N, C-alpha and C. Protein backbone atom coordinates (compact mmCIF):
# COMPACT_ATOMS: atom_id res chain seq x y z
N MET A 1 -221.13 -17.40 -64.12
CA MET A 1 -221.33 -16.09 -64.63
C MET A 1 -220.25 -15.48 -64.30
N VAL A 2 -219.76 -14.31 -64.82
CA VAL A 2 -218.87 -13.49 -64.64
C VAL A 2 -219.78 -11.96 -63.82
N ARG A 3 -218.86 -11.92 -62.40
CA ARG A 3 -219.30 -10.80 -61.71
C ARG A 3 -218.55 -9.55 -62.28
N GLN A 4 -219.37 -8.35 -62.47
CA GLN A 4 -218.78 -7.40 -62.94
C GLN A 4 -218.98 -6.17 -61.85
N SER A 5 -218.58 -5.08 -61.71
CA SER A 5 -218.94 -3.79 -60.93
C SER A 5 -218.97 -2.77 -62.02
N ILE A 6 -220.12 -2.19 -62.34
CA ILE A 6 -219.95 -1.10 -63.14
C ILE A 6 -220.80 0.09 -62.69
N SER A 7 -220.68 1.51 -63.21
CA SER A 7 -221.19 2.90 -62.62
C SER A 7 -222.00 3.26 -63.82
N PHE A 8 -223.30 3.71 -63.39
CA PHE A 8 -224.17 4.76 -64.35
C PHE A 8 -224.41 5.69 -64.28
N THR A 9 -224.45 6.49 -65.12
CA THR A 9 -224.91 8.07 -64.97
C THR A 9 -226.70 8.04 -64.15
N ALA A 10 -226.70 9.10 -63.34
CA ALA A 10 -227.96 9.03 -62.44
C ALA A 10 -229.06 9.14 -63.54
N PRO A 11 -229.28 9.42 -64.81
CA PRO A 11 -230.61 9.36 -65.47
C PRO A 11 -230.44 7.81 -66.36
N ASN A 12 -229.05 7.08 -66.22
CA ASN A 12 -229.44 5.55 -66.79
C ASN A 12 -229.72 4.66 -65.63
N ASP A 13 -229.20 5.28 -64.35
CA ASP A 13 -229.43 4.48 -63.20
C ASP A 13 -231.11 4.66 -62.80
N LYS A 14 -231.55 5.28 -63.44
CA LYS A 14 -233.13 5.91 -62.98
C LYS A 14 -233.65 5.13 -64.01
N TRP A 15 -233.54 4.84 -65.40
CA TRP A 15 -234.06 4.45 -66.14
C TRP A 15 -234.17 2.82 -65.80
N LEU A 16 -233.02 2.38 -65.70
CA LEU A 16 -232.64 1.10 -65.17
C LEU A 16 -233.74 0.43 -64.04
N ASN A 17 -233.48 1.23 -63.05
CA ASN A 17 -234.57 1.35 -61.84
C ASN A 17 -235.76 1.00 -62.33
N SER A 18 -236.20 1.95 -63.13
CA SER A 18 -237.92 1.73 -63.75
C SER A 18 -238.29 0.85 -64.38
N LEU A 19 -237.34 0.13 -65.18
CA LEU A 19 -237.51 -1.14 -66.09
C LEU A 19 -237.59 -2.29 -64.98
N VAL A 20 -237.20 -2.30 -63.63
CA VAL A 20 -236.88 -3.29 -62.71
C VAL A 20 -238.06 -2.98 -62.29
N GLU A 21 -238.67 -1.62 -61.74
CA GLU A 21 -239.86 -1.79 -61.06
C GLU A 21 -241.08 -1.78 -62.06
N SER A 22 -241.00 -1.85 -62.70
CA SER A 22 -242.14 -1.97 -63.62
C SER A 22 -242.37 -3.47 -64.07
N GLU A 23 -241.26 -4.44 -63.46
CA GLU A 23 -241.55 -5.62 -63.28
C GLU A 23 -241.15 -6.29 -64.85
N GLU A 24 -240.77 -5.64 -65.76
CA GLU A 24 -240.12 -5.67 -67.28
C GLU A 24 -239.14 -6.83 -67.28
N TYR A 25 -238.13 -6.55 -66.09
CA TYR A 25 -237.26 -6.99 -65.80
C TYR A 25 -237.11 -7.60 -64.58
N SER A 26 -236.44 -8.51 -64.18
CA SER A 26 -236.06 -8.92 -62.55
C SER A 26 -234.70 -7.98 -61.79
N SER A 27 -234.06 -7.64 -62.78
CA SER A 27 -232.64 -7.12 -62.22
C SER A 27 -232.18 -5.99 -63.34
N LYS A 28 -231.43 -5.17 -62.63
CA LYS A 28 -230.35 -3.89 -63.80
C LYS A 28 -229.57 -5.45 -64.60
N SER A 29 -228.95 -6.24 -63.97
CA SER A 29 -227.92 -7.45 -65.00
C SER A 29 -228.83 -7.88 -66.18
N GLU A 30 -230.22 -8.19 -65.71
CA GLU A 30 -231.01 -8.62 -67.07
C GLU A 30 -230.97 -7.80 -67.77
N VAL A 31 -231.30 -6.32 -67.32
CA VAL A 31 -231.34 -5.65 -68.36
C VAL A 31 -230.32 -5.18 -69.40
N VAL A 32 -229.09 -4.84 -68.59
CA VAL A 32 -227.64 -4.70 -69.09
C VAL A 32 -227.42 -5.81 -70.16
N ASN A 33 -227.70 -7.39 -69.89
CA ASN A 33 -227.45 -8.46 -70.44
C ASN A 33 -228.40 -8.27 -72.09
N ASP A 34 -229.66 -8.22 -71.64
CA ASP A 34 -230.29 -8.15 -72.97
C ASP A 34 -230.00 -6.96 -73.56
N LEU A 35 -229.78 -5.76 -73.30
CA LEU A 35 -228.99 -4.44 -74.17
C LEU A 35 -227.98 -5.34 -74.84
N ILE A 36 -227.01 -5.88 -74.18
CA ILE A 36 -225.52 -6.55 -74.62
C ILE A 36 -226.11 -7.51 -75.78
N ARG A 37 -226.80 -8.42 -75.67
CA ARG A 37 -227.26 -9.52 -76.46
C ARG A 37 -227.78 -8.71 -77.99
N LYS A 38 -228.84 -7.56 -77.53
CA LYS A 38 -229.61 -7.30 -78.94
C LYS A 38 -228.14 -6.14 -79.64
N ALA A 39 -227.44 -5.58 -78.99
CA ALA A 39 -226.52 -4.61 -79.58
C ALA A 39 -225.49 -5.69 -80.45
N ARG A 40 -225.30 -6.81 -79.63
CA ARG A 40 -224.25 -8.18 -80.21
C ARG A 40 -225.11 -8.56 -81.68
N GLU A 41 -226.65 -9.09 -81.50
CA GLU A 41 -226.96 -9.58 -82.63
C GLU A 41 -227.10 -8.09 -84.00
N ARG A 42 -227.36 -6.99 -83.65
CA ARG A 42 -227.44 -6.24 -84.27
C ARG A 42 -226.02 -5.82 -85.14
N GLN A 43 -225.06 -5.98 -84.76
CA GLN A 43 -223.64 -5.96 -85.17
C GLN A 43 -223.65 -7.09 -85.85
N GLU A 44 -223.73 -8.29 -85.45
CA GLU A 44 -223.95 -9.27 -86.40
C GLU A 44 -224.63 -9.13 -87.80
N GLN A 45 -225.47 -8.47 -87.75
CA GLN A 45 -226.69 -8.30 -89.01
C GLN A 45 -225.71 -7.07 -89.83
N LEU A 46 -225.03 -5.90 -89.35
CA LEU A 46 -224.53 -5.47 -89.55
C LEU A 46 -223.03 -6.01 -90.78
N ASP A 47 -222.53 -6.86 -90.09
CA ASP A 47 -221.47 -7.61 -90.34
C ASP A 47 -222.05 -8.57 -91.48
N LYS A 48 -222.93 -9.09 -91.77
CA LYS A 48 -223.31 -9.87 -93.01
C LYS A 48 -223.42 -8.77 -93.65
N LEU A 49 -224.12 -7.57 -93.34
CA LEU A 49 -224.39 -6.89 -94.20
C LEU A 49 -223.42 -6.27 -95.18
N ARG A 50 -222.37 -6.13 -94.38
CA ARG A 50 -221.02 -5.29 -95.21
C ARG A 50 -220.37 -6.28 -95.62
N ALA A 51 -220.28 -7.95 -95.43
CA ALA A 51 -219.70 -8.63 -96.00
C ALA A 51 -220.77 -8.93 -97.72
N LYS A 52 -222.08 -8.72 -97.71
CA LYS A 52 -222.72 -8.53 -98.86
C LYS A 52 -222.60 -7.72 -99.77
N LEU A 53 -222.52 -6.80 -99.34
CA LEU A 53 -222.04 -5.40 -99.69
C LEU A 53 -220.75 -5.53 -100.67
N ILE A 54 -219.54 -6.07 -99.83
CA ILE A 54 -218.45 -6.40 -100.57
C ILE A 54 -218.28 -7.44 -101.54
N ARG A 55 -219.20 -8.46 -101.27
CA ARG A 55 -219.57 -9.14 -102.70
C ARG A 55 -220.12 -8.72 -103.62
N ALA A 56 -221.12 -8.06 -103.06
CA ALA A 56 -221.77 -7.48 -104.62
C ALA A 56 -220.57 -6.18 -105.40
N GLU A 57 -220.01 -5.53 -104.60
CA GLU A 57 -219.12 -4.76 -105.31
C GLU A 57 -218.09 -5.69 -106.05
N LYS A 58 -217.35 -6.64 -105.79
CA LYS A 58 -216.71 -7.46 -106.22
C LYS A 58 -217.12 -7.99 -107.72
N SER A 59 -218.38 -8.30 -107.65
CA SER A 59 -219.24 -9.28 -108.74
C SER A 59 -219.25 -8.06 -109.91
N GLY A 60 -219.25 -7.04 -109.70
CA GLY A 60 -219.62 -6.49 -110.80
C GLY A 60 -220.71 -5.33 -110.80
N PHE A 61 -220.97 -4.94 -112.23
CA PHE A 61 -222.17 -4.01 -112.36
C PHE A 61 -223.36 -5.43 -113.09
N THR A 62 -224.72 -4.69 -113.16
CA THR A 62 -225.73 -5.51 -113.23
C THR A 62 -226.40 -4.13 -114.40
N ASN A 63 -227.40 -5.35 -114.72
CA ASN A 63 -228.63 -4.78 -115.39
C ASN A 63 -229.79 -4.53 -114.92
N LEU A 64 -229.96 -5.16 -113.83
CA LEU A 64 -231.25 -5.09 -113.00
C LEU A 64 -231.53 -3.91 -112.34
N THR A 65 -233.04 -3.64 -112.43
CA THR A 65 -233.48 -2.30 -111.94
C THR A 65 -233.32 -2.41 -110.17
N MET A 66 -233.64 -1.07 -109.66
CA MET A 66 -233.75 -1.74 -108.28
C MET A 66 -234.79 -2.24 -107.66
N ASP A 67 -235.87 -2.28 -108.27
CA ASP A 67 -236.96 -3.50 -107.55
C ASP A 67 -236.62 -4.29 -107.92
N GLU A 68 -235.77 -4.94 -108.68
CA GLU A 68 -235.57 -6.48 -109.09
C GLU A 68 -234.43 -6.44 -108.25
N ILE A 69 -233.53 -5.66 -107.57
CA ILE A 69 -232.25 -6.19 -106.65
C ILE A 69 -233.12 -6.26 -105.40
N ARG A 70 -234.10 -5.63 -105.20
CA ARG A 70 -234.53 -5.71 -103.53
C ARG A 70 -235.30 -7.01 -103.64
N GLU A 71 -235.90 -7.57 -104.80
CA GLU A 71 -236.45 -8.45 -105.01
C GLU A 71 -235.65 -9.93 -104.56
N LYS A 72 -234.72 -9.68 -105.23
CA LYS A 72 -233.67 -10.75 -105.16
C LYS A 72 -233.05 -10.84 -103.81
N ALA A 73 -232.93 -9.81 -103.18
CA ALA A 73 -232.26 -9.30 -101.70
C ALA A 73 -233.58 -10.42 -101.02
N ARG A 74 -234.63 -9.60 -100.92
CA ARG A 74 -235.46 -10.33 -99.98
C ARG A 74 -235.65 -11.92 -100.38
N GLU A 75 -235.54 -12.21 -101.56
CA GLU A 75 -236.09 -14.14 -101.72
C GLU A 75 -234.75 -14.47 -101.04
N GLU A 76 -233.68 -13.84 -101.07
CA GLU A 76 -232.14 -14.25 -100.37
C GLU A 76 -232.26 -14.47 -98.92
N LEU A 77 -232.80 -13.50 -98.33
CA LEU A 77 -233.08 -13.27 -96.84
C LEU A 77 -234.02 -14.73 -96.45
N ARG A 78 -235.05 -14.57 -97.11
CA ARG A 78 -236.16 -15.46 -97.04
C ARG A 78 -235.39 -17.05 -96.92
N ARG A 79 -234.81 -17.37 -97.91
CA ARG A 79 -234.04 -18.74 -98.14
C ARG A 79 -233.47 -18.89 -97.05
N ASN A 80 -232.57 -18.02 -96.31
CA ASN A 80 -231.30 -17.90 -95.44
C ASN A 80 -232.34 -17.84 -94.03
N GLY A 81 -233.57 -17.45 -94.11
CA GLY A 81 -234.36 -17.60 -92.69
C GLY A 81 -234.04 -16.21 -92.20
N GLU A 82 -233.73 -15.35 -92.66
CA GLU A 82 -233.26 -13.58 -92.29
C GLU A 82 -234.52 -13.19 -92.13
N LEU A 83 -235.79 -13.40 -93.17
CA LEU A 83 -236.80 -12.85 -93.05
C LEU A 83 -238.17 -13.41 -92.93
């Protein structure tokens, strides 16, 4: 694992310490790594959504209703194991 030295503002340090003291995490590093993992997952989801929107824009118009579009999107998410 790579070691880094980072600085926190006083409020952020207090919050990190409270998570460690509550034993939700064992160290500040664990908290920071968890936050980074979650941010990366969120970014991956946004990237997938953007790609889907681009594909949809390129595919042209549809006569489907909004409810039908939502249902098709849910079906695709279920099929891909994302929902």
